[in-house]
N, C-alpha and C. Protein backbone atom coordinates (compact mmCIF):
# COMPACT_ATOMS: atom_id res chain seq x y z
N UNK A 1 -2.54 17.63 -15.19
CA UNK A 1 -1.74 16.45 -15.26
C UNK A 1 -0.18 16.84 -14.76
N UNK A 2 0.35 15.89 -14.22
CA UNK A 2 1.84 16.10 -13.80
C UNK A 2 2.77 15.69 -14.76
N UNK A 3 3.80 16.45 -14.87
CA UNK A 3 4.94 16.08 -15.83
C UNK A 3 5.94 15.54 -15.17
N UNK A 4 6.76 14.67 -15.61
CA UNK A 4 7.84 14.02 -15.07
C UNK A 4 9.11 14.32 -15.98
N UNK A 5 10.08 14.97 -15.39
CA UNK A 5 11.19 15.11 -16.34
C UNK A 5 12.40 14.00 -15.81
N UNK A 6 13.09 13.58 -16.97
CA UNK A 6 14.05 12.58 -16.64
C UNK A 6 15.47 13.09 -16.67
N UNK A 7 16.13 12.72 -15.84
CA UNK A 7 17.70 12.92 -15.82
C UNK A 7 18.45 11.71 -16.12
N UNK A 8 19.22 11.74 -17.11
CA UNK A 8 19.92 10.62 -17.51
C UNK A 8 21.52 10.83 -17.14
N UNK A 9 21.93 9.85 -16.43
CA UNK A 9 23.35 9.89 -16.07
C UNK A 9 23.96 8.54 -16.32
N UNK A 10 25.00 8.39 -17.02
CA UNK A 10 25.81 7.20 -17.41
C UNK A 10 26.81 7.08 -16.29
N UNK A 11 26.68 6.29 -15.42
CA UNK A 11 27.77 6.08 -14.26
C UNK A 11 28.85 5.41 -14.83
N UNK A 12 28.69 4.67 -15.88
CA UNK A 12 29.91 3.81 -16.29
C UNK A 12 30.93 4.52 -16.95
N UNK A 13 30.79 5.74 -17.44
CA UNK A 13 31.75 6.61 -18.04
C UNK A 13 32.27 7.49 -16.98
N UNK A 14 33.50 8.19 -17.14
CA UNK A 14 34.19 9.02 -16.31
C UNK A 14 33.39 10.42 -16.54
N UNK A 15 32.93 11.09 -15.60
CA UNK A 15 32.31 12.32 -15.71
C UNK A 15 33.35 13.43 -15.78
N UNK A 16 33.28 14.04 -16.96
CA UNK A 16 34.27 15.15 -17.12
C UNK A 16 33.92 16.48 -17.19
N UNK A 17 34.84 17.60 -16.84
CA UNK A 17 34.23 18.89 -16.82
C UNK A 17 34.53 19.45 -18.23
N UNK A 18 34.41 20.80 -18.30
CA UNK A 18 34.62 21.43 -19.66
C UNK A 18 36.04 21.37 -20.10
N UNK A 19 37.04 21.34 -19.32
CA UNK A 19 38.40 21.26 -19.67
C UNK A 19 39.03 19.86 -19.60
N UNK A 20 38.05 18.91 -19.52
CA UNK A 20 38.47 17.57 -19.68
C UNK A 20 38.87 16.92 -18.22
N UNK A 21 38.81 17.88 -17.34
CA UNK A 21 39.20 17.28 -15.92
C UNK A 21 38.05 16.34 -15.39
N UNK A 22 38.45 15.50 -14.51
CA UNK A 22 37.51 14.85 -13.70
C UNK A 22 36.58 15.69 -13.01
N UNK A 23 35.38 15.63 -12.79
CA UNK A 23 34.32 16.56 -12.12
C UNK A 23 34.72 16.45 -10.69
N UNK A 24 34.82 17.77 -10.14
CA UNK A 24 35.17 18.08 -8.81
C UNK A 24 34.23 17.42 -7.84
N UNK A 25 34.55 17.17 -6.60
CA UNK A 25 33.72 16.63 -5.73
C UNK A 25 32.63 17.52 -5.34
N UNK A 26 32.80 18.83 -5.52
CA UNK A 26 31.75 19.89 -5.20
C UNK A 26 30.66 19.68 -6.30
N UNK A 27 31.15 19.59 -7.55
CA UNK A 27 30.00 19.34 -8.59
C UNK A 27 29.39 18.09 -8.43
N UNK A 28 30.04 17.00 -8.04
CA UNK A 28 29.42 15.60 -7.83
C UNK A 28 28.38 15.62 -6.76
N UNK A 29 28.77 16.48 -5.62
CA UNK A 29 27.85 16.68 -4.52
C UNK A 29 26.45 17.37 -5.05
N UNK A 30 26.72 18.38 -5.89
CA UNK A 30 25.60 19.17 -6.33
C UNK A 30 24.71 18.20 -7.22
N UNK A 31 25.26 17.28 -8.05
CA UNK A 31 24.51 16.39 -8.87
C UNK A 31 23.82 15.46 -7.99
N UNK A 32 24.51 14.91 -7.01
CA UNK A 32 23.81 14.07 -5.94
C UNK A 32 22.76 14.66 -5.34
N UNK A 33 22.80 15.97 -4.96
CA UNK A 33 21.76 16.77 -4.36
C UNK A 33 20.62 16.80 -5.24
N UNK A 34 20.90 17.05 -6.65
CA UNK A 34 19.89 17.22 -7.60
C UNK A 34 19.10 16.00 -7.75
N UNK A 35 19.74 14.89 -7.73
CA UNK A 35 19.24 13.62 -7.93
C UNK A 35 18.33 13.26 -6.65
N UNK A 36 18.68 13.55 -5.54
CA UNK A 36 17.97 13.51 -4.32
C UNK A 36 16.71 14.11 -4.30
N UNK A 37 16.71 15.36 -4.81
CA UNK A 37 15.55 16.25 -4.95
C UNK A 37 14.58 15.63 -5.91
N UNK A 38 15.03 15.20 -7.06
CA UNK A 38 14.19 14.49 -7.98
C UNK A 38 13.52 13.28 -7.57
N UNK A 39 14.24 12.55 -6.79
CA UNK A 39 13.68 11.35 -6.15
C UNK A 39 12.56 11.66 -5.26
N UNK A 40 12.71 12.60 -4.44
CA UNK A 40 11.70 13.14 -3.57
C UNK A 40 10.45 13.52 -4.24
N UNK A 41 10.80 14.40 -5.39
CA UNK A 41 9.59 14.79 -6.21
C UNK A 41 8.83 13.58 -6.87
N UNK A 42 9.61 12.47 -7.37
CA UNK A 42 9.01 11.26 -7.87
C UNK A 42 8.10 10.66 -6.92
N UNK A 43 8.62 10.56 -5.80
CA UNK A 43 7.83 9.85 -4.66
C UNK A 43 6.55 10.53 -4.32
N UNK A 44 6.57 11.93 -4.40
CA UNK A 44 5.33 12.62 -4.22
C UNK A 44 4.41 12.41 -5.45
N UNK A 45 4.79 12.47 -6.65
CA UNK A 45 4.17 12.27 -7.77
C UNK A 45 3.47 10.91 -7.78
N UNK A 46 4.35 9.94 -7.48
CA UNK A 46 3.71 8.55 -7.40
C UNK A 46 2.45 8.46 -6.42
N UNK A 47 2.65 8.97 -5.25
CA UNK A 47 1.70 9.19 -4.15
C UNK A 47 0.19 9.83 -4.83
N UNK A 48 0.57 10.96 -5.58
CA UNK A 48 -0.73 11.55 -6.16
C UNK A 48 -1.29 10.56 -7.36
N UNK A 49 -0.51 10.14 -8.11
CA UNK A 49 -1.16 9.00 -9.15
C UNK A 49 -1.74 7.93 -8.47
N UNK A 50 -1.46 7.46 -7.27
CA UNK A 50 -2.21 6.37 -6.50
C UNK A 50 -3.65 6.72 -6.28
N UNK A 51 -3.85 8.15 -5.86
CA UNK A 51 -5.07 8.69 -5.79
C UNK A 51 -5.99 8.67 -7.10
N UNK A 52 -5.14 8.93 -8.08
CA UNK A 52 -5.95 9.14 -9.56
C UNK A 52 -6.17 7.80 -10.12
N UNK A 53 -5.42 6.73 -9.70
CA UNK A 53 -5.76 5.39 -10.35
C UNK A 53 -6.53 4.40 -9.50
N UNK A 54 -7.37 4.95 -8.61
CA UNK A 54 -8.35 4.26 -8.00
C UNK A 54 -9.33 3.62 -8.99
N UNK A 55 -10.06 2.50 -8.63
CA UNK A 55 -10.95 1.86 -9.46
C UNK A 55 -12.17 2.77 -9.73
N UNK A 56 -12.70 2.95 -10.80
CA UNK A 56 -13.84 3.68 -11.23
C UNK A 56 -15.06 2.98 -10.86
N UNK A 57 -15.91 3.30 -10.00
CA UNK A 57 -17.13 2.67 -9.46
C UNK A 57 -18.19 2.99 -10.47
N UNK A 58 -19.00 1.89 -10.81
CA UNK A 58 -20.28 2.05 -11.56
C UNK A 58 -21.14 2.99 -10.74
N UNK A 59 -21.54 4.01 -11.38
CA UNK A 59 -22.49 5.04 -10.51
C UNK A 59 -23.63 5.48 -11.57
N UNK A 60 -24.84 5.38 -11.05
CA UNK A 60 -26.00 5.90 -11.80
C UNK A 60 -26.03 7.27 -12.28
N UNK A 61 -25.27 8.03 -11.33
CA UNK A 61 -25.34 9.46 -11.64
C UNK A 61 -24.52 10.09 -12.74
N UNK A 62 -23.63 9.15 -13.16
CA UNK A 62 -22.69 9.40 -14.38
C UNK A 62 -23.20 8.79 -15.62
N UNK A 63 -23.08 9.24 -16.77
CA UNK A 63 -23.48 8.43 -17.89
C UNK A 63 -22.32 7.48 -18.31
N UNK A 64 -22.74 6.82 -19.24
CA UNK A 64 -21.70 5.56 -19.91
C UNK A 64 -20.61 6.29 -20.35
N UNK A 65 -20.59 7.41 -21.13
CA UNK A 65 -19.58 8.02 -21.86
C UNK A 65 -18.57 8.65 -20.76
N UNK A 66 -19.17 9.21 -19.88
CA UNK A 66 -18.36 9.90 -18.69
C UNK A 66 -17.65 8.77 -17.95
N UNK A 67 -18.32 7.72 -17.81
CA UNK A 67 -17.54 6.48 -17.02
C UNK A 67 -16.42 6.06 -17.96
N UNK A 68 -16.73 5.88 -19.26
CA UNK A 68 -15.63 5.56 -20.13
C UNK A 68 -14.34 6.33 -20.23
N UNK A 69 -14.67 7.69 -20.26
CA UNK A 69 -13.63 8.80 -20.24
C UNK A 69 -12.85 8.62 -18.81
N UNK A 70 -13.60 8.30 -17.59
CA UNK A 70 -13.05 8.10 -16.53
C UNK A 70 -12.06 6.99 -16.33
N UNK A 71 -12.48 5.82 -16.88
CA UNK A 71 -11.66 4.68 -17.21
C UNK A 71 -10.44 4.92 -18.01
N UNK A 72 -10.62 5.56 -19.04
CA UNK A 72 -9.51 5.91 -20.07
C UNK A 72 -8.57 6.89 -19.24
N UNK A 73 -8.95 7.80 -18.65
CA UNK A 73 -8.15 8.61 -17.74
C UNK A 73 -7.37 7.80 -16.64
N UNK A 74 -7.89 6.85 -16.09
CA UNK A 74 -7.48 6.01 -15.04
C UNK A 74 -6.15 5.10 -15.72
N UNK A 75 -6.58 4.56 -16.81
CA UNK A 75 -5.57 3.93 -17.58
C UNK A 75 -4.23 4.88 -17.94
N UNK A 76 -4.50 6.01 -18.41
CA UNK A 76 -3.29 6.92 -18.72
C UNK A 76 -2.53 7.23 -17.54
N UNK A 77 -3.24 7.53 -16.37
CA UNK A 77 -2.62 7.77 -15.00
C UNK A 77 -1.84 6.51 -14.59
N UNK A 78 -2.49 5.38 -14.84
CA UNK A 78 -1.57 4.26 -14.43
C UNK A 78 -0.25 3.88 -15.27
N UNK A 79 -0.28 4.31 -16.33
CA UNK A 79 0.91 4.29 -17.39
C UNK A 79 1.95 5.30 -16.83
N UNK A 80 1.32 6.43 -16.51
CA UNK A 80 2.37 7.66 -16.14
C UNK A 80 2.98 7.09 -14.67
N UNK A 81 2.17 6.54 -13.80
CA UNK A 81 2.56 5.98 -12.61
C UNK A 81 3.69 5.16 -12.72
N UNK A 82 3.46 3.98 -13.73
CA UNK A 82 4.48 2.97 -13.98
C UNK A 82 5.77 3.68 -14.48
N UNK A 83 5.66 4.52 -15.36
CA UNK A 83 6.82 5.24 -15.84
C UNK A 83 7.58 6.09 -14.82
N UNK A 84 6.83 6.56 -13.86
CA UNK A 84 7.43 7.47 -12.55
C UNK A 84 8.11 6.36 -11.81
N UNK A 85 7.57 5.13 -11.58
CA UNK A 85 8.14 4.19 -10.87
C UNK A 85 9.51 3.77 -11.49
N UNK A 86 9.49 3.57 -12.68
CA UNK A 86 10.69 3.04 -13.36
C UNK A 86 11.83 4.21 -13.15
N UNK A 87 11.48 5.59 -13.48
CA UNK A 87 12.42 6.49 -13.32
C UNK A 87 12.95 6.60 -11.95
N UNK A 88 12.16 6.41 -11.03
CA UNK A 88 12.40 6.56 -9.51
C UNK A 88 13.49 5.33 -9.35
N UNK A 89 13.34 4.15 -9.75
CA UNK A 89 14.16 2.91 -9.77
C UNK A 89 15.42 3.38 -10.04
N UNK A 90 15.45 3.95 -11.44
CA UNK A 90 16.61 4.16 -12.08
C UNK A 90 17.45 5.29 -11.56
N UNK A 91 16.78 6.18 -10.77
CA UNK A 91 17.57 7.33 -10.20
C UNK A 91 18.16 6.88 -8.81
N UNK A 92 17.50 5.86 -8.20
CA UNK A 92 17.90 5.36 -6.88
C UNK A 92 18.90 4.42 -7.04
N UNK A 93 19.00 3.55 -8.25
CA UNK A 93 20.16 2.82 -8.56
C UNK A 93 21.54 3.62 -8.97
N UNK A 94 21.21 4.74 -9.71
CA UNK A 94 22.12 5.70 -10.01
C UNK A 94 22.98 6.32 -8.97
N UNK A 95 22.10 6.71 -7.88
CA UNK A 95 22.56 7.29 -6.61
C UNK A 95 23.41 6.18 -5.92
N UNK A 96 23.10 5.06 -5.84
CA UNK A 96 23.66 4.01 -5.14
C UNK A 96 24.96 3.55 -5.83
N UNK A 97 24.94 3.61 -7.06
CA UNK A 97 26.26 3.32 -7.98
C UNK A 97 27.17 4.54 -7.80
N UNK A 98 26.64 5.63 -7.82
CA UNK A 98 27.63 6.79 -7.45
C UNK A 98 28.29 6.76 -6.17
N UNK A 99 27.42 6.59 -5.08
CA UNK A 99 28.02 6.25 -3.85
C UNK A 99 29.10 5.18 -3.70
N UNK A 100 28.86 4.07 -4.40
CA UNK A 100 29.74 3.06 -4.19
C UNK A 100 31.17 3.36 -5.00
N UNK A 101 30.83 4.11 -6.12
CA UNK A 101 32.07 4.37 -6.86
C UNK A 101 32.97 5.43 -6.06
N UNK A 102 32.13 6.44 -5.50
CA UNK A 102 32.85 7.47 -4.60
C UNK A 102 33.63 6.96 -3.41
N UNK A 103 33.09 5.81 -2.89
CA UNK A 103 33.68 5.05 -1.75
C UNK A 103 34.87 4.29 -2.32
N UNK A 104 34.84 3.67 -3.28
CA UNK A 104 35.98 2.83 -3.65
C UNK A 104 37.02 3.53 -4.19
N UNK A 105 36.83 4.98 -4.71
CA UNK A 105 37.87 5.68 -5.30
C UNK A 105 38.85 6.14 -4.24
């Protein structure tokens, strides 16, 4: 099973460094690159979840319990896929907000 890590960034607050200074452009760019990499990874994860969440076809070759396990696994993968989509949406909004803030500054 794939794991998704979440990066939380509050764009409403001023980002400050260790000494209390506003985060330099270089660090801001590193953060932006990190977010872009996470977004790319989430998009790949979502594609793999789409494969895992296909409908479970009734098949005589598998037993009732095995089919029930497959249905349960499918629902877990659907929930994980939905969470990945939400995280992707939040990260894309964060990236857009950061870009707008940087342009207006």
